[in-house]
Amino acid sequence: MQDAIILQGKFIRAWNEDKYGWAIIDCMLNISLLFWASEVTGDPRYKHIAISHAETTMQYGVREDGSTKHILSFDPEDGHYIECFGGQGYAPESSWSRGTSWGLYGFANTYRYTQDERFLNTAKRIAHYFIAALPEDHVPYWDFRLPTLDGQSRDSSAAAIAASGLLELAAAVPEGEKRLYADAAERILRSLTENYAVWDRPEHESILLHATGSGNSFIDVSLIYGDYYYLEAIAKLNGWKHRVY
């Protein structure tokens, strides 16, 4: 972990090779492991690293409207922010839908561990953007800011991750707000169940169809994390971990 954390920029480095100053929105979900490590070891350093990374991502990786950036580039020497890259999204200033769901869930989780209202408000802002940007069947295209939707693929994995994150958010907010997030999660899960799941082909290795890795790879496929978070969200609705409402 000492090698992974970039002390000057206060972020966790993504990938290897020469990408010394790169951080990605996906890592917001990974930092739950650091919070857990502090709990089981009693060592607060892991928690402090997680909080520092979340603060950096909140400052540079989340736009005012709640959309998120995928790859953030920092100077590894002094830590200053340089620019963002499109990564698996359409373009640097576009809005990769799975990245949005990573951010939504990740900041909701960070609030659960810290009870810091900044992270809850960030999760809400991302959630409102995600919900408002969904198409009619509640499953997003692979990027929310595509120049055209003609011939573009959906990302069922982004929908599944967001649904589980929305239930996490519903568990964190006051009673009067719970239905907003829980109802959105249920709409997403209902659409995934009825329109994107494979129930009549037992030989198929996955549950969800029509996921997209990025605009130029793994297009209209099944992705394992889509299945995982779909099942996690269904389990939450059935009382696993905690009741959300």
C-alpha atoms as a PDB file:
ATOM      1  CA  MET A   1       0.000   0.000   0.000  1.00  0.00           C
ATOM      2  CA  GLN A   2       2.880   2.365   0.636  1.00  0.00           C
ATOM      3  CA  ASP A   3       3.842   2.044  -3.039  1.00  0.00           C
ATOM      4  CA  ALA A   4       0.265   2.470  -4.236  1.00  0.00           C
ATOM      5  CA  ILE A   5      -0.584   5.721  -2.476  1.00  0.00           C
ATOM      6  CA  ILE A   6       0.808   8.866  -4.098  1.00  0.00           C
ATOM      7  CA  LEU A   7       1.463  11.056  -1.072  1.00  0.00           C
ATOM      8  CA  GLN A   8       1.834  14.395  -2.865  1.00  0.00           C
ATOM      9  CA  GLY A   9      -1.439  14.130  -4.766  1.00  0.00           C
ATOM     10  CA  LYS A  10      -3.344  12.219  -2.053  1.00  0.00           C
ATOM     11  CA  PHE A  11      -4.702   9.574  -4.414  1.00  0.00           C
ATOM     12  CA  ILE A  12      -4.303   5.874  -5.063  1.00  0.00           C
ATOM     13  CA  ARG A  13      -2.513   5.174  -8.292  1.00  0.00           C
ATOM     14  CA  ALA A  14      -4.304   3.226 -11.019  1.00  0.00           C
ATOM     15  CA  TRP A  15      -2.507   0.658 -13.183  1.00  0.00           C
ATOM     16  CA  ASN A  16       1.221   0.083 -13.574  1.00  0.00           C
ATOM     17  CA  GLU A  17       4.031   0.878 -16.031  1.00  0.00           C
ATOM     18  CA  ASP A  18       4.507   4.628 -16.594  1.00  0.00           C
ATOM     19  CA  LYS A  19       1.088   5.793 -15.375  1.00  0.00           C
ATOM     20  CA  TYR A  20       2.533   7.247 -12.185  1.00  0.00           C
ATOM     21  CA  GLY A  21       0.064  10.103 -11.790  1.00  0.00           C
ATOM     22  CA  TRP A  22      -3.158   8.405 -12.891  1.00  0.00           C
ATOM     23  CA  ALA A  23      -6.217   7.829 -10.722  1.00  0.00           C
ATOM     24  CA  ILE A  24      -9.568   6.422 -11.862  1.00  0.00           C
ATOM     25  CA  ILE A  25     -13.173   6.740 -10.695  1.00  0.00           C
ATOM     26  CA  ASP A  26     -13.402   2.930 -10.411  1.00  0.00           C
ATOM     27  CA  CYS A  27     -11.156   3.054  -7.348  1.00  0.00           C
ATOM     28  CA  MET A  28     -13.906   4.716  -5.312  1.00  0.00           C
ATOM     29  CA  LEU A  29     -15.372   1.268  -4.803  1.00  0.00           C
ATOM     30  CA  ASN A  30     -12.016  -0.314  -3.984  1.00  0.00           C
ATOM     31  CA  ILE A  31     -11.356   1.920  -0.986  1.00  0.00           C
ATOM     32  CA  SER A  32     -13.966   0.054   1.053  1.00  0.00           C
ATOM     33  CA  LEU A  33     -11.212  -2.515   1.542  1.00  0.00           C
ATOM     34  CA  LEU A  34      -9.093   0.123   3.281  1.00  0.00           C
ATOM     35  CA  PHE A  35     -11.902   1.081   5.641  1.00  0.00           C
ATOM     36  CA  TRP A  36     -12.373  -2.598   6.458  1.00  0.00           C
ATOM     37  CA  ALA A  37      -8.622  -2.999   7.038  1.00  0.00           C
ATOM     38  CA  SER A  38      -8.664  -0.203   9.623  1.00  0.00           C
ATOM     39  CA  GLU A  39     -11.614  -1.809  11.378  1.00  0.00           C
ATOM     40  CA  VAL A  40     -10.038  -5.267  11.660  1.00  0.00           C
ATOM     41  CA  THR A  41      -6.483  -4.135  12.450  1.00  0.00           C
ATOM     42  CA  GLY A  42      -7.163  -1.067  14.525  1.00  0.00           C
ATOM     43  CA  ASP A  43      -4.680   0.825  12.356  1.00  0.00           C
ATOM     44  CA  PRO A  44      -6.200   4.161  11.248  1.00  0.00           C
ATOM     45  CA  ARG A  45      -3.686   4.726   8.445  1.00  0.00           C
ATOM     46  CA  TYR A  46      -5.699   2.665   5.967  1.00  0.00           C
ATOM     47  CA  LYS A  47      -8.806   4.729   6.693  1.00  0.00           C
ATOM     48  CA  HIS A  48      -6.859   7.961   6.279  1.00  0.00           C
ATOM     49  CA  ILE A  49      -5.599   6.851   2.870  1.00  0.00           C
ATOM     50  CA  ALA A  50      -9.148   5.989   1.796  1.00  0.00           C
ATOM     51  CA  ILE A  51     -10.489   9.350   2.935  1.00  0.00           C
ATOM     52  CA  SER A  52      -7.671  11.238   1.196  1.00  0.00           C
ATOM     53  CA  HIS A  53      -8.380   9.420  -2.065  1.00  0.00           C
ATOM     54  CA  ALA A  54     -12.118  10.106  -1.760  1.00  0.00           C
ATOM     55  CA  GLU A  55     -11.470  13.805  -1.129  1.00  0.00           C
ATOM     56  CA  THR A  56      -9.198  14.036  -4.161  1.00  0.00           C
ATOM     57  CA  THR A  57     -11.727  12.255  -6.377  1.00  0.00           C
ATOM     58  CA  MET A  58     -14.527  14.447  -5.049  1.00  0.00           C
ATOM     59  CA  GLN A  59     -12.559  17.595  -5.859  1.00  0.00           C
ATOM     60  CA  TYR A  60     -11.298  16.691  -9.317  1.00  0.00           C
ATOM     61  CA  GLY A  61     -13.351  13.717 -10.538  1.00  0.00           C
ATOM     62  CA  VAL A  62     -16.936  14.845  -9.958  1.00  0.00           C
ATOM     63  CA  ARG A  63     -18.389  17.730 -11.932  1.00  0.00           C
ATOM     64  CA  GLU A  64     -20.863  20.219 -10.514  1.00  0.00           C
ATOM     65  CA  ASP A  65     -23.765  18.558 -12.353  1.00  0.00           C
ATOM     66  CA  GLY A  66     -22.951  15.151 -10.816  1.00  0.00           C
ATOM     67  CA  SER A  67     -21.302  13.630 -13.872  1.00  0.00           C
ATOM     68  CA  THR A  68     -17.915  12.008 -13.342  1.00  0.00           C
ATOM     69  CA  LYS A  69     -14.589  11.774 -15.122  1.00  0.00           C
ATOM     70  CA  HIS A  70     -12.884   8.430 -15.700  1.00  0.00           C
ATOM     71  CA  ILE A  71      -9.119   9.031 -15.623  1.00  0.00           C
ATOM     72  CA  LEU A  72      -7.526  11.861 -13.652  1.00  0.00           C
ATOM     73  CA  SER A  73      -3.928  12.814 -14.357  1.00  0.00           C
ATOM     74  CA  PHE A  74      -1.747  14.397 -11.654  1.00  0.00           C
ATOM     75  CA  ASP A  75       1.888  15.401 -11.505  1.00  0.00           C
ATOM     76  CA  PRO A  76       3.459  12.641  -9.382  1.00  0.00           C
ATOM     77  CA  GLU A  77       6.165  15.004  -8.174  1.00  0.00           C
ATOM     78  CA  ASP A  78       4.063  17.763  -6.614  1.00  0.00           C
ATOM     79  CA  GLY A  79       0.550  16.290  -6.896  1.00  0.00           C
ATOM     80  CA  HIS A  80      -1.105  19.091  -8.873  1.00  0.00           C
ATOM     81  CA  TYR A  81      -4.025  18.146 -11.136  1.00  0.00           C
ATOM     82  CA  ILE A  82      -3.198  18.228 -14.852  1.00  0.00           C
ATOM     83  CA  GLU A  83      -6.151  16.949 -16.893  1.00  0.00           C
ATOM     84  CA  CYS A  84      -8.682  14.172 -17.380  1.00  0.00           C
ATOM     85  CA  PHE A  85      -8.791  11.488 -20.069  1.00  0.00           C
ATOM     86  CA  GLY A  86     -11.824   9.843 -21.613  1.00  0.00           C
ATOM     87  CA  GLY A  87     -10.623   6.369 -20.716  1.00  0.00           C
ATOM     88  CA  GLN A  88     -13.484   3.962 -21.262  1.00  0.00           C
ATOM     89  CA  GLY A  89     -15.860   6.844 -21.903  1.00  0.00           C
ATOM     90  CA  TYR A  90     -16.479   8.544 -25.229  1.00  0.00           C
ATOM     91  CA  ALA A  91     -14.262  11.597 -24.591  1.00  0.00           C
ATOM     92  CA  PRO A  92     -12.548  13.483 -21.745  1.00  0.00           C
ATOM     93  CA  GLU A  93     -15.577  15.687 -21.092  1.00  0.00           C
ATOM     94  CA  SER A  94     -18.201  13.035 -21.775  1.00  0.00           C
ATOM     95  CA  SER A  95     -19.899  10.955 -19.097  1.00  0.00           C
ATOM     96  CA  TRP A  96     -19.091   7.240 -19.011  1.00  0.00           C
ATOM     97  CA  SER A  97     -22.132   5.605 -17.442  1.00  0.00           C
ATOM     98  CA  ARG A  98     -20.325   2.854 -15.550  1.00  0.00           C
ATOM     99  CA  GLY A  99     -17.902   5.411 -14.151  1.00  0.00           C
ATOM    100  CA  THR A 100     -20.907   7.348 -12.891  1.00  0.00           C
ATOM    101  CA  SER A 101     -22.203   4.235 -11.144  1.00  0.00           C
ATOM    102  CA  TRP A 102     -18.765   3.552  -9.594  1.00  0.00           C
ATOM    103  CA  GLY A 103     -18.809   7.070  -8.201  1.00  0.00           C
ATOM    104  CA  LEU A 104     -22.391   6.868  -6.944  1.00  0.00           C
ATOM    105  CA  TYR A 105     -21.811   3.630  -5.049  1.00  0.00           C
ATOM    106  CA  GLY A 106     -18.293   4.537  -3.949  1.00  0.00           C
ATOM    107  CA  PHE A 107     -19.249   7.812  -2.293  1.00  0.00           C
ATOM    108  CA  ALA A 108     -22.302   6.210  -0.662  1.00  0.00           C
ATOM    109  CA  ASN A 109     -19.978   3.568   0.788  1.00  0.00           C
ATOM    110  CA  THR A 110     -17.496   6.209   1.914  1.00  0.00           C
ATOM    111  CA  TYR A 111     -20.274   7.971   3.795  1.00  0.00           C
ATOM    112  CA  ARG A 112     -21.284   4.698   5.464  1.00  0.00           C
ATOM    113  CA  TYR A 113     -17.772   4.302   6.847  1.00  0.00           C
ATOM    114  CA  THR A 114     -17.097   7.943   7.733  1.00  0.00           C
ATOM    115  CA  GLN A 115     -20.496   9.578   8.363  1.00  0.00           C
ATOM    116  CA  ASP A 116     -19.025  12.624   6.630  1.00  0.00           C
ATOM    117  CA  GLU A 117     -21.867  14.589   5.014  1.00  0.00           C
ATOM    118  CA  ARG A 118     -19.618  15.757   2.182  1.00  0.00           C
ATOM    119  CA  PHE A 119     -19.488  12.233   0.804  1.00  0.00           C
ATOM    120  CA  LEU A 120     -23.225  11.691   1.227  1.00  0.00           C
ATOM    121  CA  ASN A 121     -23.992  14.906  -0.656  1.00  0.00           C
ATOM    122  CA  THR A 122     -21.591  13.908  -3.431  1.00  0.00           C
ATOM    123  CA  ALA A 123     -23.271  10.504  -3.741  1.00  0.00           C
ATOM    124  CA  LYS A 124     -26.652  12.224  -3.939  1.00  0.00           C
ATOM    125  CA  ARG A 125     -25.460  14.614  -6.635  1.00  0.00           C
ATOM    126  CA  ILE A 126     -24.149  11.751  -8.746  1.00  0.00           C
ATOM    127  CA  ALA A 127     -27.330   9.738  -8.142  1.00  0.00           C
ATOM    128  CA  HIS A 128     -29.559  12.587  -9.293  1.00  0.00           C
ATOM    129  CA  TYR A 129     -27.509  12.981 -12.455  1.00  0.00           C
ATOM    130  CA  PHE A 130     -27.594   9.230 -13.154  1.00  0.00           C
ATOM    131  CA  ILE A 131     -31.344   8.914 -12.630  1.00  0.00           C
ATOM    132  CA  ALA A 132     -32.154  11.987 -14.716  1.00  0.00           C
ATOM    133  CA  ALA A 133     -29.960  10.815 -17.601  1.00  0.00           C
ATOM    134  CA  LEU A 134     -31.503   7.338 -17.923  1.00  0.00           C
ATOM    135  CA  PRO A 135     -33.423   6.411 -21.067  1.00  0.00           C
ATOM    136  CA  GLU A 136     -36.991   5.161 -20.989  1.00  0.00           C
ATOM    137  CA  ASP A 137     -36.144   1.602 -19.933  1.00  0.00           C
ATOM    138  CA  HIS A 138     -33.848   2.760 -17.070  1.00  0.00           C
ATOM    139  CA  VAL A 139     -30.701   1.085 -18.435  1.00  0.00           C
ATOM    140  CA  PRO A 140     -28.086   3.562 -19.706  1.00  0.00           C
ATOM    141  CA  TYR A 141     -26.122   3.654 -22.894  1.00  0.00           C
ATOM    142  CA  TRP A 142     -22.412   3.165 -22.301  1.00  0.00           C
ATOM    143  CA  ASP A 143     -21.893   6.942 -22.154  1.00  0.00           C
ATOM    144  CA  PHE A 144     -24.439   9.589 -21.199  1.00  0.00           C
ATOM    145  CA  ARG A 145     -23.011  12.175 -23.620  1.00  0.00           C
ATOM    146  CA  LEU A 146     -22.757  10.359 -26.926  1.00  0.00           C
ATOM    147  CA  PRO A 147     -23.151  12.573 -29.996  1.00  0.00           C
ATOM    148  CA  THR A 148     -25.793  10.165 -31.313  1.00  0.00           C
ATOM    149  CA  LEU A 149     -27.564   7.123 -29.909  1.00  0.00           C
ATOM    150  CA  ASP A 150     -27.911   5.425 -33.297  1.00  0.00           C
ATOM    151  CA  GLY A 151     -26.209   2.040 -33.137  1.00  0.00           C
ATOM    152  CA  GLN A 152     -24.870   2.658 -29.635  1.00  0.00           C
ATOM    153  CA  SER A 153     -24.778  -0.090 -27.002  1.00  0.00           C
ATOM    154  CA  ARG A 154     -26.284  -0.143 -23.551  1.00  0.00           C
ATOM    155  CA  ASP A 155     -24.366  -1.018 -20.402  1.00  0.00           C
ATOM    156  CA  SER A 156     -26.379  -3.310 -18.153  1.00  0.00           C
ATOM    157  CA  SER A 157     -23.427  -3.487 -15.756  1.00  0.00           C
ATOM    158  CA  ALA A 158     -23.634   0.276 -15.138  1.00  0.00           C
ATOM    159  CA  ALA A 159     -27.321  -0.137 -14.331  1.00  0.00           C
ATOM    160  CA  ALA A 160     -26.694  -3.005 -11.905  1.00  0.00           C
ATOM    161  CA  ILE A 161     -23.901  -1.183 -10.050  1.00  0.00           C
ATOM    162  CA  ALA A 162     -26.008   1.955  -9.792  1.00  0.00           C
ATOM    163  CA  ALA A 163     -29.017   0.003  -8.505  1.00  0.00           C
ATOM    164  CA  SER A 164     -26.999  -1.470  -5.649  1.00  0.00           C
ATOM    165  CA  GLY A 165     -25.461   1.931  -4.946  1.00  0.00           C
ATOM    166  CA  LEU A 166     -28.884   3.567  -4.884  1.00  0.00           C
ATOM    167  CA  LEU A 167     -30.028   1.044  -2.287  1.00  0.00           C
ATOM    168  CA  GLU A 168     -26.917   1.846  -0.260  1.00  0.00           C
ATOM    169  CA  LEU A 169     -27.853   5.509  -0.527  1.00  0.00           C
ATOM    170  CA  ALA A 170     -31.455   4.787   0.474  1.00  0.00           C
ATOM    171  CA  ALA A 171     -30.158   3.151   3.638  1.00  0.00           C
ATOM    172  CA  ALA A 172     -28.174   6.279   4.525  1.00  0.00           C
ATOM    173  CA  VAL A 173     -30.704   9.068   4.064  1.00  0.00           C
ATOM    174  CA  PRO A 174     -33.590  10.221   6.283  1.00  0.00           C
ATOM    175  CA  GLU A 175     -36.943   8.467   5.983  1.00  0.00           C
ATOM    176  CA  GLY A 176     -38.472  11.105   3.739  1.00  0.00           C
ATOM    177  CA  GLU A 177     -35.766  10.654   1.090  1.00  0.00           C
ATOM    178  CA  LYS A 178     -35.527   6.868   1.005  1.00  0.00           C
ATOM    179  CA  ARG A 179     -38.208   6.248  -1.603  1.00  0.00           C
ATOM    180  CA  LEU A 180     -36.526   8.491  -4.193  1.00  0.00           C
ATOM    181  CA  TYR A 181     -33.450   6.271  -4.340  1.00  0.00           C
ATOM    182  CA  ALA A 182     -35.101   2.942  -3.558  1.00  0.00           C
ATOM    183  CA  ASP A 183     -37.771   3.428  -6.235  1.00  0.00           C
ATOM    184  CA  ALA A 184     -35.116   4.301  -8.827  1.00  0.00           C
ATOM    185  CA  ALA A 185     -33.189   1.157  -7.898  1.00  0.00           C
ATOM    186  CA  GLU A 186     -36.306  -0.970  -8.216  1.00  0.00           C
ATOM    187  CA  ARG A 187     -37.131   0.456 -11.650  1.00  0.00           C
ATOM    188  CA  ILE A 188     -33.620  -0.362 -12.838  1.00  0.00           C
ATOM    189  CA  LEU A 189     -33.715  -3.893 -11.409  1.00  0.00           C
ATOM    190  CA  ARG A 190     -37.145  -4.566 -12.871  1.00  0.00           C
ATOM    191  CA  SER A 191     -35.941  -3.565 -16.322  1.00  0.00           C
ATOM    192  CA  LEU A 192     -32.777  -5.648 -16.003  1.00  0.00           C
ATOM    193  CA  THR A 193     -34.825  -8.646 -14.876  1.00  0.00           C
ATOM    194  CA  GLU A 194     -37.436  -8.360 -17.610  1.00  0.00           C
ATOM    195  CA  ASN A 195     -35.353  -7.113 -20.549  1.00  0.00           C
ATOM    196  CA  TYR A 196     -31.662  -7.859 -20.021  1.00  0.00           C
ATOM    197  CA  ALA A 197     -31.443 -11.158 -18.112  1.00  0.00           C
ATOM    198  CA  VAL A 198     -31.018 -14.638 -19.549  1.00  0.00           C
ATOM    199  CA  TRP A 199     -33.602 -16.897 -17.919  1.00  0.00           C
ATOM    200  CA  ASP A 200     -34.399 -19.247 -20.793  1.00  0.00           C
ATOM    201  CA  ARG A 201     -30.842 -20.303 -21.759  1.00  0.00           C
ATOM    202  CA  PRO A 202     -29.393 -22.376 -18.892  1.00  0.00           C
ATOM    203  CA  GLU A 203     -26.222 -23.019 -20.866  1.00  0.00           C
ATOM    204  CA  HIS A 204     -25.379 -19.314 -20.805  1.00  0.00           C
ATOM    205  CA  GLU A 205     -22.650 -18.505 -18.260  1.00  0.00           C
ATOM    206  CA  SER A 206     -23.976 -15.103 -17.243  1.00  0.00           C
ATOM    207  CA  ILE A 207     -27.193 -13.522 -16.009  1.00  0.00           C
ATOM    208  CA  LEU A 208     -27.200 -10.134 -17.736  1.00  0.00           C
ATOM    209  CA  LEU A 209     -26.740  -9.428 -21.429  1.00  0.00           C
ATOM    210  CA  HIS A 210     -26.010  -6.143 -23.225  1.00  0.00           C
ATOM    211  CA  ALA A 211     -23.112  -4.735 -21.230  1.00  0.00           C
ATOM    212  CA  THR A 212     -20.300  -2.675 -22.743  1.00  0.00           C
ATOM    213  CA  GLY A 213     -16.693  -2.492 -21.614  1.00  0.00           C
ATOM    214  CA  SER A 214     -15.944   0.668 -23.597  1.00  0.00           C
ATOM    215  CA  GLY A 215     -16.673   2.209 -26.967  1.00  0.00           C
ATOM    216  CA  ASN A 216     -14.094   0.039 -28.732  1.00  0.00           C
ATOM    217  CA  SER A 217     -13.906  -3.178 -26.721  1.00  0.00           C
ATOM    218  CA  PHE A 218     -16.254  -5.720 -25.163  1.00  0.00           C
ATOM    219  CA  ILE A 219     -19.308  -4.298 -26.887  1.00  0.00           C
ATOM    220  CA  ASP A 220     -22.739  -5.814 -26.186  1.00  0.00           C
ATOM    221  CA  VAL A 221     -21.433  -8.632 -24.000  1.00  0.00           C
ATOM    222  CA  SER A 222     -21.930  -9.991 -20.500  1.00  0.00           C
ATOM    223  CA  LEU A 223     -19.649  -8.600 -17.772  1.00  0.00           C
ATOM    224  CA  ILE A 224     -19.065 -10.379 -14.487  1.00  0.00           C
ATOM    225  CA  TYR A 225     -19.418  -7.272 -12.338  1.00  0.00           C
ATOM    226  CA  GLY A 226     -22.806  -6.618 -13.887  1.00  0.00           C
ATOM    227  CA  ASP A 227     -23.956 -10.016 -12.626  1.00  0.00           C
ATOM    228  CA  TYR A 228     -22.346  -9.501  -9.224  1.00  0.00           C
ATOM    229  CA  TYR A 229     -23.968  -6.157  -8.470  1.00  0.00           C
ATOM    230  CA  TYR A 230     -27.297  -7.285  -9.897  1.00  0.00           C
ATOM    231  CA  LEU A 231     -27.351 -10.170  -7.416  1.00  0.00           C
ATOM    232  CA  GLU A 232     -26.117  -7.915  -4.614  1.00  0.00           C
ATOM    233  CA  ALA A 233     -28.928  -5.435  -5.253  1.00  0.00           C
ATOM    234  CA  ILE A 234     -31.556  -8.193  -5.330  1.00  0.00           C
ATOM    235  CA  ALA A 235     -30.126  -9.553  -2.070  1.00  0.00           C
ATOM    236  CA  LYS A 236     -30.386  -6.110  -0.472  1.00  0.00           C
ATOM    237  CA  LEU A 237     -34.041  -5.904  -1.451  1.00  0.00           C
ATOM    238  CA  ASN A 238     -34.560  -9.247   0.243  1.00  0.00           C
ATOM    239  CA  GLY A 239     -33.031  -8.109   3.518  1.00  0.00           C
ATOM    240  CA  TRP A 240     -29.369  -9.034   3.189  1.00  0.00           C
ATOM    241  CA  LYS A 241     -26.950  -6.747   5.007  1.00  0.00           C
ATOM    242  CA  HIS A 242     -29.537  -4.169   6.037  1.00  0.00           C
ATOM    243  CA  ARG A 243     -33.074  -3.092   5.340  1.00  0.00           C
ATOM    244  CA  VAL A 244     -33.110   0.002   3.163  1.00  0.00           C
ATOM    245  CA  TYR A 245     -36.701   1.001   3.959  1.00  0.00           C
END
